[in-house]
Amino acid sequence: MAEFPDGAPIWADCVVAELNAGKTFYREMFGWDFRSAGPDYGGYTLATLDGKPVSALMPPMPGQELTPTWTLYFATSDVQATAGRIRENGGTLLMEPMSVGEFGRMLIAQSPDGLTFGCWQPGTHEGFGLLGEPGALCWSEIVSRDPAAFDTFFSVVFPVELRRMGDPAEFDYKTVQAGRSPVAGRMPMPADTPAGTGTYARLYFGVDHCDDAAATAEKLGGQIVSEPQDSPFGRWAECADDNGARFTVIDMSTTKGEKPAM
């Protein structure tokens, strides 16, 4: 099991309109198996690959307005203290710190630039059991409406450093460093993004072949949001599931170009 320093992505889940349909979509996309967290957890369902937890799906709570979306959770060793720093630095708590049985403690918050995110303090559920492989999360980045606001907020809420990658005159991209390792990225919202799109977390899931995976998403009733394209880190495409929740597929074995300098 991987270890997750404070501020590193530790978990992700997705709200789906109908649980069985969501399981069918993501089973076909990534080969996931599923198991319920139990009758006391509102249908929350763990997705596993080779028996290891890789994410979760959940139906909307009774009375909740459905917003199909992936939510990224960041690790914290003290969720109560993290909640205090979120409040003190302009964030909003959408769900106060709470215990989830023996699994751990969590909160849901929104950053000043509009990112809805979670924080997870592990108990028996220690987070992702598999990373960086086909069918598992490989990378995540914040696509922000106000990058400067996100940088300031995130670097005081968590013990992380944001480091610029490449030439800022060409593209404003930073990596989030937790400990000695880059754990996530931050980029500005592209100019051609539809109006009304708020700051969101882009989750990259590994696949063996990007173009085939994007075509599979479309075949299953989803859509291709950004056509497959090459990068120094892998060939990737942004997709949406059959409810509109966005995710990205990446074939990290197919790279093109030089990686930008830090």
Protein backbone atom coordinates (compact mmCIF):
# COMPACT_ATOMS: atom_id res chain seq x y z
CA MET A 1 0.00 0.00 0.00
CA ALA A 2 1.33 3.40 -0.99
CA GLU A 3 2.00 6.05 1.63
CA PHE A 4 0.36 9.44 1.09
CA PRO A 5 1.94 12.59 2.55
CA ASP A 6 -0.41 15.41 3.51
CA GLY A 7 -1.60 17.20 0.36
CA ALA A 8 -1.16 14.20 -1.96
CA PRO A 9 -4.19 12.76 -3.78
CA ILE A 10 -5.28 9.76 -1.73
CA TRP A 11 -8.72 8.84 -3.08
CA ALA A 12 -11.35 9.62 -5.72
CA ASP A 13 -15.03 8.86 -6.12
CA CYS A 14 -17.76 9.62 -8.63
CA VAL A 15 -21.46 10.34 -8.23
CA VAL A 16 -23.48 8.32 -10.75
CA ALA A 17 -27.18 8.66 -11.57
CA GLU A 18 -27.79 4.92 -11.31
CA LEU A 19 -25.31 2.64 -9.58
CA ASN A 20 -25.65 -0.48 -11.72
CA ALA A 21 -25.35 1.54 -14.93
CA GLY A 22 -22.26 3.28 -13.55
CA LYS A 23 -20.70 -0.05 -12.64
CA THR A 24 -21.34 -1.32 -16.17
CA PHE A 25 -19.72 1.75 -17.75
CA TYR A 26 -16.54 1.70 -15.66
CA ARG A 27 -16.23 -2.10 -15.70
CA GLU A 28 -16.11 -1.91 -19.50
CA MET A 29 -13.78 1.11 -19.45
CA PHE A 30 -11.16 -0.07 -16.97
CA GLY A 31 -11.91 -3.67 -16.01
CA TRP A 32 -12.95 -2.72 -12.48
CA ASP A 33 -14.72 -5.03 -10.06
CA PHE A 34 -17.00 -3.65 -7.37
CA ARG A 35 -17.92 -4.32 -3.76
CA SER A 36 -20.33 -2.48 -1.51
CA ALA A 37 -19.02 -0.61 1.52
CA GLY A 38 -22.02 -1.99 3.39
CA PRO A 39 -25.68 -1.16 4.06
CA ASP A 40 -24.85 1.75 6.36
CA TYR A 41 -23.04 3.77 3.69
CA GLY A 42 -25.77 4.79 1.25
CA GLY A 43 -24.76 2.57 -1.65
CA TYR A 44 -21.11 3.66 -1.61
CA THR A 45 -19.31 1.09 -3.75
CA LEU A 46 -15.58 0.47 -3.95
CA ALA A 47 -14.00 -0.15 -7.35
CA THR A 48 -11.14 -2.61 -7.30
CA LEU A 49 -8.55 -3.87 -9.77
CA ASP A 50 -6.76 -7.12 -9.01
CA GLY A 51 -8.38 -6.91 -5.60
CA LYS A 52 -6.89 -3.48 -4.81
CA PRO A 53 -9.02 -0.34 -4.29
CA VAL A 54 -8.73 2.19 -7.13
CA SER A 55 -11.79 4.47 -6.66
CA ALA A 56 -15.47 4.39 -5.74
CA LEU A 57 -18.91 5.08 -7.20
CA MET A 58 -21.91 6.34 -5.29
CA PRO A 59 -25.53 7.20 -6.09
CA PRO A 60 -26.84 10.62 -5.07
CA MET A 61 -28.09 10.88 -1.51
CA PRO A 62 -31.87 11.15 -1.04
CA GLY A 63 -32.93 14.69 -1.91
CA GLN A 64 -29.52 15.53 -3.38
CA GLU A 65 -29.45 17.25 -6.76
CA LEU A 66 -27.39 15.07 -9.09
CA THR A 67 -24.13 16.57 -10.28
CA PRO A 68 -22.21 13.80 -12.04
CA THR A 69 -18.59 14.49 -11.22
CA TRP A 70 -15.37 12.96 -9.99
CA THR A 71 -14.18 14.27 -6.62
CA LEU A 72 -10.51 14.12 -5.66
CA TYR A 73 -9.51 13.69 -1.99
CA PHE A 74 -6.22 14.91 -0.54
CA ALA A 75 -4.48 13.17 2.33
CA THR A 76 -4.40 14.71 5.77
CA SER A 77 -3.04 13.39 9.04
CA ASP A 78 -5.44 15.65 11.01
CA VAL A 79 -8.72 16.44 9.27
CA GLN A 80 -9.85 18.78 12.07
CA ALA A 81 -6.75 20.96 11.76
CA THR A 82 -7.05 20.96 7.98
CA ALA A 83 -10.65 22.16 8.29
CA GLY A 84 -9.43 25.09 10.36
CA ARG A 85 -6.86 26.11 7.77
CA ILE A 86 -9.47 25.85 5.00
CA ARG A 87 -11.75 28.28 6.87
CA GLU A 88 -8.93 30.64 7.79
CA ASN A 89 -7.73 30.96 4.20
CA GLY A 90 -10.95 31.68 2.33
CA GLY A 91 -12.22 28.16 1.68
CA THR A 92 -15.72 26.90 2.44
CA LEU A 93 -16.59 23.69 4.26
CA LEU A 94 -19.43 21.93 2.42
CA MET A 95 -19.28 18.95 4.78
CA GLU A 96 -17.79 19.32 8.25
CA PRO A 97 -15.21 16.78 9.45
CA MET A 98 -16.90 13.47 10.15
CA SER A 99 -15.97 9.89 10.93
CA VAL A 100 -16.83 7.17 8.41
CA GLY A 101 -16.96 4.17 10.69
CA GLU A 102 -13.55 2.60 11.09
CA PHE A 103 -12.62 3.55 7.52
CA GLY A 104 -11.35 7.05 8.37
CA ARG A 105 -12.37 10.69 8.71
CA MET A 106 -13.28 13.11 5.94
CA LEU A 107 -14.52 16.51 4.93
CA ILE A 108 -15.70 18.12 1.70
CA ALA A 109 -14.66 21.71 0.93
CA GLN A 110 -14.44 24.32 -1.79
CA SER A 111 -11.36 26.41 -2.49
CA PRO A 112 -11.57 30.17 -3.16
CA ASP A 113 -11.23 29.53 -6.91
CA GLY A 114 -14.16 27.08 -6.84
CA LEU A 115 -12.63 23.60 -6.63
CA THR A 116 -14.80 21.11 -4.74
CA PHE A 117 -12.49 18.59 -3.09
CA GLY A 118 -12.31 16.17 -0.21
CA CYS A 119 -9.79 15.50 2.54
CA TRP A 120 -9.25 12.00 3.90
CA GLN A 121 -7.60 10.96 7.14
CA PRO A 122 -7.07 7.21 6.79
CA GLY A 123 -8.35 4.60 9.18
CA THR A 124 -8.70 1.07 7.87
CA HIS A 125 -9.21 2.50 4.37
CA GLU A 126 -5.75 3.73 3.46
CA GLY A 127 -6.56 5.16 0.02
CA PHE A 128 -5.52 4.02 -3.43
CA GLY A 129 -4.14 0.50 -3.43
CA LEU A 130 -2.84 0.79 -6.97
CA LEU A 131 -1.42 3.76 -8.89
CA GLY A 132 0.32 4.42 -12.19
CA GLU A 133 -0.93 1.34 -14.04
CA PRO A 134 -3.63 0.67 -16.66
CA GLY A 135 -6.99 0.91 -14.91
CA ALA A 136 -5.63 2.97 -12.01
CA LEU A 137 -5.10 6.66 -11.37
CA CYS A 138 -1.85 7.87 -12.95
CA TRP A 139 -1.96 11.63 -12.41
CA SER A 140 -4.30 14.41 -11.36
CA GLU A 141 -4.28 18.14 -11.94
CA ILE A 142 -6.38 21.11 -10.95
CA VAL A 143 -7.79 23.06 -13.91
CA SER A 144 -8.35 26.44 -12.28
CA ARG A 145 -10.30 29.60 -13.10
CA ASP A 146 -7.94 31.52 -10.80
CA PRO A 147 -4.55 29.77 -10.59
CA ALA A 148 -2.95 32.37 -8.33
CA ALA A 149 -5.77 32.01 -5.79
CA PHE A 150 -5.47 28.22 -5.86
CA ASP A 151 -1.68 28.36 -5.41
CA THR A 152 -1.93 30.60 -2.35
CA PHE A 153 -4.74 28.62 -0.76
CA PHE A 154 -3.38 25.13 -1.33
CA SER A 155 0.15 25.89 -0.18
CA VAL A 156 -1.06 27.12 3.23
CA VAL A 157 -3.75 24.48 3.78
CA PHE A 158 -1.27 21.66 3.12
CA PRO A 159 2.51 21.38 3.70
CA VAL A 160 3.27 21.43 -0.04
CA GLU A 161 5.26 23.53 -2.48
CA LEU A 162 4.11 24.50 -5.96
CA ARG A 163 6.93 24.47 -8.51
CA ARG A 164 6.75 25.92 -11.98
CA MET A 165 7.26 23.59 -14.93
CA GLY A 166 8.53 24.87 -18.26
CA ASP A 167 8.44 28.43 -19.57
CA PRO A 168 5.61 30.48 -18.00
CA ALA A 169 5.50 32.64 -21.12
CA GLU A 170 4.35 29.55 -23.02
CA PHE A 171 2.15 27.85 -20.42
CA ASP A 172 1.45 28.46 -16.73
CA TYR A 173 1.83 24.97 -15.23
CA LYS A 174 2.94 24.05 -11.73
CA THR A 175 3.45 20.77 -9.93
CA VAL A 176 2.40 20.17 -6.34
CA GLN A 177 5.35 18.81 -4.38
CA ALA A 178 4.56 16.83 -1.23
CA GLY A 179 7.79 15.73 0.37
CA ARG A 180 10.31 15.27 -2.45
CA SER A 181 7.85 14.08 -5.07
CA PRO A 182 5.43 15.77 -7.47
CA VAL A 183 1.98 14.45 -6.59
CA ALA A 184 -0.33 16.57 -8.78
CA GLY A 185 -0.41 19.48 -11.20
CA ARG A 186 -2.12 22.84 -11.56
CA MET A 187 -2.97 24.53 -14.84
CA PRO A 188 -5.12 27.49 -15.87
CA MET A 189 -8.50 26.94 -17.48
CA PRO A 190 -8.03 26.96 -21.30
CA ALA A 191 -9.47 30.00 -23.04
CA ASP A 192 -11.85 27.90 -25.13
CA THR A 193 -13.46 26.23 -22.09
CA PRO A 194 -17.26 26.65 -22.18
CA ALA A 195 -18.56 29.50 -20.04
CA GLY A 196 -19.84 28.34 -16.69
CA THR A 197 -17.26 25.58 -16.30
CA GLY A 198 -15.87 25.87 -12.80
CA THR A 199 -12.48 24.86 -11.43
CA TYR A 200 -12.25 21.08 -11.41
CA ALA A 201 -9.85 18.19 -10.85
CA ARG A 202 -8.80 16.31 -13.99
CA LEU A 203 -8.14 12.66 -13.16
CA TYR A 204 -5.93 10.63 -15.51
CA PHE A 205 -6.56 6.88 -15.57
CA GLY A 206 -4.05 4.61 -17.26
CA VAL A 207 -4.99 2.63 -20.37
CA ASP A 208 -3.11 0.40 -22.81
CA HIS A 209 -4.24 2.35 -25.88
CA CYS A 210 -5.60 5.89 -25.67
CA ASP A 211 -7.52 5.99 -28.95
CA ASP A 212 -9.25 2.66 -28.26
CA ALA A 213 -10.17 3.76 -24.73
CA ALA A 214 -11.67 7.03 -25.96
CA ALA A 215 -13.68 5.13 -28.58
CA THR A 216 -14.91 2.77 -25.84
CA ALA A 217 -16.16 5.70 -23.74
CA GLU A 218 -18.14 6.93 -26.74
CA LYS A 219 -19.49 3.45 -27.51
CA LEU A 220 -20.72 3.13 -23.91
CA GLY A 221 -22.78 6.33 -24.18
CA GLY A 222 -20.14 8.81 -23.02
CA GLN A 223 -18.30 11.33 -25.14
CA ILE A 224 -14.84 12.43 -26.17
CA VAL A 225 -14.34 15.94 -24.76
CA SER A 226 -10.79 16.41 -26.13
CA GLU A 227 -9.58 14.24 -29.00
CA PRO A 228 -6.55 11.99 -28.37
CA GLN A 229 -3.30 13.92 -28.45
CA ASP A 230 0.38 13.28 -27.83
CA SER A 231 2.47 14.69 -25.01
CA PRO A 232 5.88 14.02 -23.44
CA PHE A 233 4.04 12.20 -20.64
CA GLY A 234 1.78 9.99 -22.76
CA ARG A 235 -1.01 10.03 -25.32
CA TRP A 236 -4.20 11.22 -23.65
CA ALA A 237 -7.84 12.16 -24.24
CA GLU A 238 -10.39 13.80 -22.00
CA CYS A 239 -13.69 11.93 -21.93
CA ALA A 240 -17.01 12.00 -20.11
CA ASP A 241 -19.05 9.06 -18.88
CA ASP A 242 -22.67 8.45 -19.82
CA ASN A 243 -23.78 10.94 -17.14
CA GLY A 244 -21.33 13.67 -18.11
CA ALA A 245 -18.69 13.18 -15.40
CA ARG A 246 -15.29 13.99 -16.91
CA PHE A 247 -12.19 11.85 -16.67
CA THR A 248 -9.04 11.48 -18.75
CA VAL A 249 -7.42 8.38 -20.19
CA ILE A 250 -3.67 8.22 -20.78
CA ASP A 251 -1.33 5.70 -22.37
CA MET A 252 1.94 6.51 -20.63
CA SER A 253 3.92 4.13 -22.86
CA THR A 254 3.31 6.32 -25.92
CA THR A 255 5.20 9.60 -25.45
CA LYS A 256 6.25 12.32 -27.88
CA GLY A 257 8.51 15.33 -27.31
CA GLU A 258 10.82 16.41 -24.51
CA LYS A 259 9.55 16.84 -20.98
CA PRO A 260 9.68 20.51 -19.86
CA ALA A 261 12.29 21.47 -17.29
CA MET A 262 11.32 22.27 -13.69
